[in-house]
Amino acid sequence: MSIDFSSLSQSLNEILFGLVMVLFLPFIGALVLSLVLQALKVPNSIAMPITILLFLFGVYQMFMYLY
């Protein structure tokens, strides 16, 4: 007995695209900020919380923008 999920493919693609947009773009932004802060020789005790907060803020903003 098999279940046909072909009718869900369009909605699953939209969910996957939304998930990638919400998580991937803020991750890239946080990664770039992390590299910039390392290049400026900012101590890790300051750079890591800033990067994490930027990532969380970016995820929140993308979620509010897309949904």
PDB file of N, CA and C in Angstrom:
ATOM      1  N   MET A   1       0.846  -1.174   0.000  1.00  0.00           N
ATOM      2  CA  MET A   1       0.000   0.000   0.000  1.00  0.00           C
ATOM      3  C   MET A   1       0.890   1.235   0.000  1.00  0.00           C
ATOM      4  N   SER A   2       0.689   2.111  -0.958  1.00  0.00           N
ATOM      5  CA  SER A   2       1.504   3.325  -1.034  1.00  0.00           C
ATOM      6  C   SER A   2       0.597   4.555  -1.016  1.00  0.00           C
ATOM      7  N   ILE A   3       1.155   5.621  -0.509  1.00  0.00           N
ATOM      8  CA  ILE A   3       0.410   6.879  -0.405  1.00  0.00           C
ATOM      9  C   ILE A   3       0.935   7.819  -1.471  1.00  0.00           C
ATOM     10  N   ASP A   4       0.044   8.458  -2.194  1.00  0.00           N
ATOM     11  CA  ASP A   4       0.427   9.379  -3.258  1.00  0.00           C
ATOM     12  C   ASP A   4       0.535  10.797  -2.698  1.00  0.00           C
ATOM     13  N   PHE A   5       1.758  11.326  -2.649  1.00  0.00           N
ATOM     14  CA  PHE A   5       2.001  12.674  -2.148  1.00  0.00           C
ATOM     15  C   PHE A   5       2.176  13.691  -3.269  1.00  0.00           C
ATOM     16  N   SER A   6       1.904  13.322  -4.508  1.00  0.00           N
ATOM     17  CA  SER A   6       2.150  14.220  -5.632  1.00  0.00           C
ATOM     18  C   SER A   6       1.297  15.485  -5.564  1.00  0.00           C
ATOM     19  N   SER A   7       0.144  15.423  -4.953  1.00  0.00           N
ATOM     20  CA  SER A   7      -0.702  16.615  -4.858  1.00  0.00           C
ATOM     21  C   SER A   7      -0.128  17.633  -3.871  1.00  0.00           C
ATOM     22  N   LEU A   8       0.766  17.206  -2.992  1.00  0.00           N
ATOM     23  CA  LEU A   8       1.364  18.107  -2.011  1.00  0.00           C
ATOM     24  C   LEU A   8       2.675  18.728  -2.485  1.00  0.00           C
ATOM     25  N   SER A   9       3.159  18.348  -3.653  1.00  0.00           N
ATOM     26  CA  SER A   9       4.488  18.783  -4.082  1.00  0.00           C
ATOM     27  C   SER A   9       4.593  20.311  -4.194  1.00  0.00           C
ATOM     28  N   GLN A  10       3.569  20.968  -4.706  1.00  0.00           N
ATOM     29  CA  GLN A  10       3.623  22.421  -4.850  1.00  0.00           C
ATOM     30  C   GLN A  10       3.690  23.113  -3.490  1.00  0.00           C
ATOM     31  N   SER A  11       2.864  22.700  -2.552  1.00  0.00           N
ATOM     32  CA  SER A  11       2.880  23.347  -1.238  1.00  0.00           C
ATOM     33  C   SER A  11       4.155  23.015  -0.475  1.00  0.00           C
ATOM     34  N   LEU A  12       4.672  21.791  -0.632  1.00  0.00           N
ATOM     35  CA  LEU A  12       5.934  21.446   0.021  1.00  0.00           C
ATOM     36  C   LEU A  12       7.094  22.257  -0.555  1.00  0.00           C
ATOM     37  N   ASN A  13       7.071  22.516  -1.856  1.00  0.00           N
ATOM     38  CA  ASN A  13       8.101  23.346  -2.472  1.00  0.00           C
ATOM     39  C   ASN A  13       8.039  24.774  -1.936  1.00  0.00           C
ATOM     40  N   GLU A  14       6.841  25.294  -1.747  1.00  0.00           N
ATOM     41  CA  GLU A  14       6.699  26.639  -1.191  1.00  0.00           C
ATOM     42  C   GLU A  14       7.183  26.699   0.249  1.00  0.00           C
ATOM     43  N   ILE A  15       6.884  25.675   1.033  1.00  0.00           N
ATOM     44  CA  ILE A  15       7.344  25.631   2.418  1.00  0.00           C
ATOM     45  C   ILE A  15       8.861  25.560   2.468  1.00  0.00           C
ATOM     46  N   LEU A  16       9.465  24.733   1.614  1.00  0.00           N
ATOM     47  CA  LEU A  16      10.912  24.608   1.584  1.00  0.00           C
ATOM     48  C   LEU A  16      11.564  25.914   1.150  1.00  0.00           C
ATOM     49  N   PHE A  17      11.001  26.574   0.146  1.00  0.00           N
ATOM     50  CA  PHE A  17      11.543  27.853  -0.309  1.00  0.00           C
ATOM     51  C   PHE A  17      11.465  28.902   0.799  1.00  0.00           C
ATOM     52  N   GLY A  18      10.348  28.943   1.509  1.00  0.00           N
ATOM     53  CA  GLY A  18      10.204  29.882   2.618  1.00  0.00           C
ATOM     54  C   GLY A  18      11.195  29.604   3.726  1.00  0.00           C
ATOM     55  N   LEU A  19      11.408  28.345   4.038  1.00  0.00           N
ATOM     56  CA  LEU A  19      12.360  27.968   5.079  1.00  0.00           C
ATOM     57  C   LEU A  19      13.780  28.361   4.701  1.00  0.00           C
ATOM     58  N   VAL A  20      14.132  28.141   3.447  1.00  0.00           N
ATOM     59  CA  VAL A  20      15.464  28.530   2.980  1.00  0.00           C
ATOM     60  C   VAL A  20      15.630  30.045   3.048  1.00  0.00           C
ATOM     61  N   MET A  21      14.611  30.776   2.637  1.00  0.00           N
ATOM     62  CA  MET A  21      14.702  32.239   2.662  1.00  0.00           C
ATOM     63  C   MET A  21      14.804  32.764   4.093  1.00  0.00           C
ATOM     64  N   VAL A  22      14.043  32.179   5.005  1.00  0.00           N
ATOM     65  CA  VAL A  22      14.016  32.670   6.383  1.00  0.00           C
ATOM     66  C   VAL A  22      15.321  32.355   7.104  1.00  0.00           C
ATOM     67  N   LEU A  23      15.914  31.200   6.849  1.00  0.00           N
ATOM     68  CA  LEU A  23      17.104  30.798   7.597  1.00  0.00           C
ATOM     69  C   LEU A  23      18.420  31.066   6.867  1.00  0.00           C
ATOM     70  N   PHE A  24      18.447  30.909   5.539  1.00  0.00           N
ATOM     71  CA  PHE A  24      19.710  30.976   4.814  1.00  0.00           C
ATOM     72  C   PHE A  24      20.235  32.402   4.674  1.00  0.00           C
ATOM     73  N   LEU A  25      19.388  33.339   4.309  1.00  0.00           N
ATOM     74  CA  LEU A  25      19.857  34.712   4.112  1.00  0.00           C
ATOM     75  C   LEU A  25      20.379  35.350   5.403  1.00  0.00           C
ATOM     76  N   PRO A  26      19.690  35.226   6.531  1.00  0.00           N
ATOM     77  CA  PRO A  26      20.280  35.757   7.773  1.00  0.00           C
ATOM     78  C   PRO A  26      21.568  35.038   8.171  1.00  0.00           C
ATOM     79  N   PHE A  27      21.670  33.742   7.852  1.00  0.00           N
ATOM     80  CA  PHE A  27      22.894  33.009   8.156  1.00  0.00           C
ATOM     81  C   PHE A  27      24.068  33.569   7.363  1.00  0.00           C
ATOM     82  N   ILE A  28      23.850  33.867   6.086  1.00  0.00           N
ATOM     83  CA  ILE A  28      24.910  34.452   5.261  1.00  0.00           C
ATOM     84  C   ILE A  28      25.297  35.826   5.804  1.00  0.00           C
ATOM     85  N   GLY A  29      24.310  36.630   6.194  1.00  0.00           N
ATOM     86  CA  GLY A  29      24.598  37.939   6.777  1.00  0.00           C
ATOM     87  C   GLY A  29      25.396  37.835   8.064  1.00  0.00           C
ATOM     88  N   ALA A  30      25.036  36.889   8.918  1.00  0.00           N
ATOM     89  CA  ALA A  30      25.765  36.695  10.172  1.00  0.00           C
ATOM     90  C   ALA A  30      27.171  36.185   9.903  1.00  0.00           C
ATOM     91  N   LEU A  31      27.321  35.338   8.910  1.00  0.00           N
ATOM     92  CA  LEU A  31      28.644  34.823   8.554  1.00  0.00           C
ATOM     93  C   LEU A  31      29.547  35.947   8.049  1.00  0.00           C
ATOM     94  N   VAL A  32      29.017  36.809   7.208  1.00  0.00           N
ATOM     95  CA  VAL A  32      29.798  37.940   6.706  1.00  0.00           C
ATOM     96  C   VAL A  32      30.170  38.884   7.846  1.00  0.00           C
ATOM     97  N   LEU A  33      29.217  39.173   8.733  1.00  0.00           N
ATOM     98  CA  LEU A  33      29.515  40.031   9.879  1.00  0.00           C
ATOM     99  C   LEU A  33      30.598  39.407  10.760  1.00  0.00           C
ATOM    100  N   SER A  34      30.525  38.112  10.951  1.00  0.00           N
ATOM    101  CA  SER A  34      31.530  37.421  11.752  1.00  0.00           C
ATOM    102  C   SER A  34      32.921  37.572  11.140  1.00  0.00           C
ATOM    103  N   LEU A  35      33.006  37.431   9.823  1.00  0.00           N
ATOM    104  CA  LEU A  35      34.302  37.583   9.162  1.00  0.00           C
ATOM    105  C   LEU A  35      34.814  39.018   9.241  1.00  0.00           C
ATOM    106  N   VAL A  36      33.920  39.975   9.125  1.00  0.00           N
ATOM    107  CA  VAL A  36      34.321  41.380   9.229  1.00  0.00           C
ATOM    108  C   VAL A  36      34.811  41.691  10.640  1.00  0.00           C
ATOM    109  N   LEU A  37      34.105  41.200  11.640  1.00  0.00           N
ATOM    110  CA  LEU A  37      34.523  41.447  13.025  1.00  0.00           C
ATOM    111  C   LEU A  37      35.851  40.768  13.331  1.00  0.00           C
ATOM    112  N   GLN A  38      36.099  39.599  12.747  1.00  0.00           N
ATOM    113  CA  GLN A  38      37.396  38.949  12.923  1.00  0.00           C
ATOM    114  C   GLN A  38      38.499  39.731  12.240  1.00  0.00           C
ATOM    115  N   ALA A  39      38.193  40.299  11.074  1.00  0.00           N
ATOM    116  CA  ALA A  39      39.194  41.099  10.355  1.00  0.00           C
ATOM    117  C   ALA A  39      39.526  42.369  11.127  1.00  0.00           C
ATOM    118  N   LEU A  40      38.548  42.906  11.847  1.00  0.00           N
ATOM    119  CA  LEU A  40      38.777  44.106  12.660  1.00  0.00           C
ATOM    120  C   LEU A  40      39.378  43.771  14.029  1.00  0.00           C
ATOM    121  N   LYS A  41      39.609  42.478  14.260  1.00  0.00           N
ATOM    122  CA  LYS A  41      40.207  41.984  15.500  1.00  0.00           C
ATOM    123  C   LYS A  41      39.395  42.352  16.743  1.00  0.00           C
ATOM    124  N   VAL A  42      38.078  42.227  16.606  1.00  0.00           N
ATOM    125  CA  VAL A  42      37.178  42.414  17.745  1.00  0.00           C
ATOM    126  C   VAL A  42      37.247  41.142  18.588  1.00  0.00           C
ATOM    127  N   PRO A  43      37.342  41.259  19.900  1.00  0.00           N
ATOM    128  CA  PRO A  43      37.406  40.047  20.738  1.00  0.00           C
ATOM    129  C   PRO A  43      36.174  39.155  20.549  1.00  0.00           C
ATOM    130  N   ASN A  44      36.409  37.837  20.624  1.00  0.00           N
ATOM    131  CA  ASN A  44      35.315  36.879  20.418  1.00  0.00           C
ATOM    132  C   ASN A  44      34.221  37.019  21.464  1.00  0.00           C
ATOM    133  N   SER A  45      34.566  37.462  22.661  1.00  0.00           N
ATOM    134  CA  SER A  45      33.549  37.622  23.704  1.00  0.00           C
ATOM    135  C   SER A  45      32.548  38.720  23.349  1.00  0.00           C
ATOM    136  N   ILE A  46      32.929  39.617  22.457  1.00  0.00           N
ATOM    137  CA  ILE A  46      32.021  40.673  21.994  1.00  0.00           C
ATOM    138  C   ILE A  46      31.419  40.299  20.642  1.00  0.00           C
ATOM    139  N   ALA A  47      32.223  39.703  19.764  1.00  0.00           N
ATOM    140  CA  ALA A  47      31.790  39.420  18.395  1.00  0.00           C
ATOM    141  C   ALA A  47      30.724  38.333  18.334  1.00  0.00           C
ATOM    142  N   MET A  48      30.858  37.304  19.144  1.00  0.00           N
ATOM    143  CA  MET A  48      29.897  36.205  19.074  1.00  0.00           C
ATOM    144  C   MET A  48      28.481  36.621  19.478  1.00  0.00           C
ATOM    145  N   PRO A  49      28.293  37.322  20.601  1.00  0.00           N
ATOM    146  CA  PRO A  49      26.915  37.757  20.911  1.00  0.00           C
ATOM    147  C   PRO A  49      26.328  38.696  19.853  1.00  0.00           C
ATOM    148  N   ILE A  50      27.160  39.561  19.297  1.00  0.00           N
ATOM    149  CA  ILE A  50      26.680  40.469  18.251  1.00  0.00           C
ATOM    150  C   ILE A  50      26.222  39.673  17.035  1.00  0.00           C
ATOM    151  N   THR A  51      27.017  38.682  16.647  1.00  0.00           N
ATOM    152  CA  THR A  51      26.679  37.857  15.487  1.00  0.00           C
ATOM    153  C   THR A  51      25.407  37.050  15.732  1.00  0.00           C
ATOM    154  N   ILE A  52      25.282  36.476  16.913  1.00  0.00           N
ATOM    155  CA  ILE A  52      24.088  35.680  17.234  1.00  0.00           C
ATOM    156  C   ILE A  52      22.845  36.561  17.248  1.00  0.00           C
ATOM    157  N   LEU A  53      22.955  37.736  17.855  1.00  0.00           N
ATOM    158  CA  LEU A  53      21.807  38.642  17.890  1.00  0.00           C
ATOM    159  C   LEU A  53      21.422  39.109  16.497  1.00  0.00           C
ATOM    160  N   LEU A  54      22.412  39.365  15.637  1.00  0.00           N
ATOM    161  CA  LEU A  54      22.111  39.757  14.260  1.00  0.00           C
ATOM    162  C   LEU A  54      21.406  38.618  13.522  1.00  0.00           C
ATOM    163  N   PHE A  55      21.858  37.391  13.731  1.00  0.00           N
ATOM    164  CA  PHE A  55      21.209  36.257  13.083  1.00  0.00           C
ATOM    165  C   PHE A  55      19.758  36.117  13.534  1.00  0.00           C
ATOM    166  N   LEU A  56      19.527  36.191  14.839  1.00  0.00           N
ATOM    167  CA  LEU A  56      18.156  36.068  15.345  1.00  0.00           C
ATOM    168  C   LEU A  56      17.277  37.208  14.857  1.00  0.00           C
ATOM    169  N   PHE A  57      17.814  38.428  14.833  1.00  0.00           N
ATOM    170  CA  PHE A  57      17.060  39.563  14.328  1.00  0.00           C
ATOM    171  C   PHE A  57      16.764  39.390  12.836  1.00  0.00           C
ATOM    172  N   GLY A  58      17.735  38.882  12.087  1.00  0.00           N
ATOM    173  CA  GLY A  58      17.533  38.651  10.660  1.00  0.00           C
ATOM    174  C   GLY A  58      16.473  37.602  10.388  1.00  0.00           C
ATOM    175  N   VAL A  59      16.479  36.528  11.171  1.00  0.00           N
ATOM    176  CA  VAL A  59      15.457  35.489  11.006  1.00  0.00           C
ATOM    177  C   VAL A  59      14.083  36.064  11.321  1.00  0.00           C
ATOM    178  N   TYR A  60      13.990  36.853  12.380  1.00  0.00           N
ATOM    179  CA  TYR A  60      12.708  37.470  12.735  1.00  0.00           C
ATOM    180  C   TYR A  60      12.229  38.398  11.618  1.00  0.00           C
ATOM    181  N   GLN A  61      13.125  39.227  11.098  1.00  0.00           N
ATOM    182  CA  GLN A  61      12.736  40.161  10.040  1.00  0.00           C
ATOM    183  C   GLN A  61      12.318  39.433   8.767  1.00  0.00           C
ATOM    184  N   MET A  62      13.050  38.387   8.397  1.00  0.00           N
ATOM    185  CA  MET A  62      12.683  37.644   7.189  1.00  0.00           C
ATOM    186  C   MET A  62      11.349  36.933   7.379  1.00  0.00           C
ATOM    187  N   PHE A  63      11.113  36.409   8.579  1.00  0.00           N
ATOM    188  CA  PHE A  63       9.837  35.745   8.841  1.00  0.00           C
ATOM    189  C   PHE A  63       8.691  36.748   8.743  1.00  0.00           C
ATOM    190  N   MET A  64       8.877  37.917   9.312  1.00  0.00           N
ATOM    191  CA  MET A  64       7.817  38.925   9.264  1.00  0.00           C
ATOM    192  C   MET A  64       7.633  39.459   7.845  1.00  0.00           C
ATOM    193  N   TYR A  65       8.706  39.533   7.067  1.00  0.00           N
ATOM    194  CA  TYR A  65       8.621  40.031   5.702  1.00  0.00           C
ATOM    195  C   TYR A  65       7.922  39.023   4.786  1.00  0.00           C
ATOM    196  N   LEU A  66       8.220  37.741   4.963  1.00  0.00           N
ATOM    197  CA  LEU A  66       7.667  36.725   4.050  1.00  0.00           C
ATOM    198  C   LEU A  66       6.289  36.245   4.461  1.00  0.00           C
ATOM    199  N   TYR A  67       5.964  36.311   5.753  1.00  0.00           N
ATOM    200  CA  TYR A  67       4.679  35.782   6.202  1.00  0.00           C
ATOM    201  C   TYR A  67       3.901  36.876   6.802  1.00  0.00           C
TER     202      TYR A  67
END
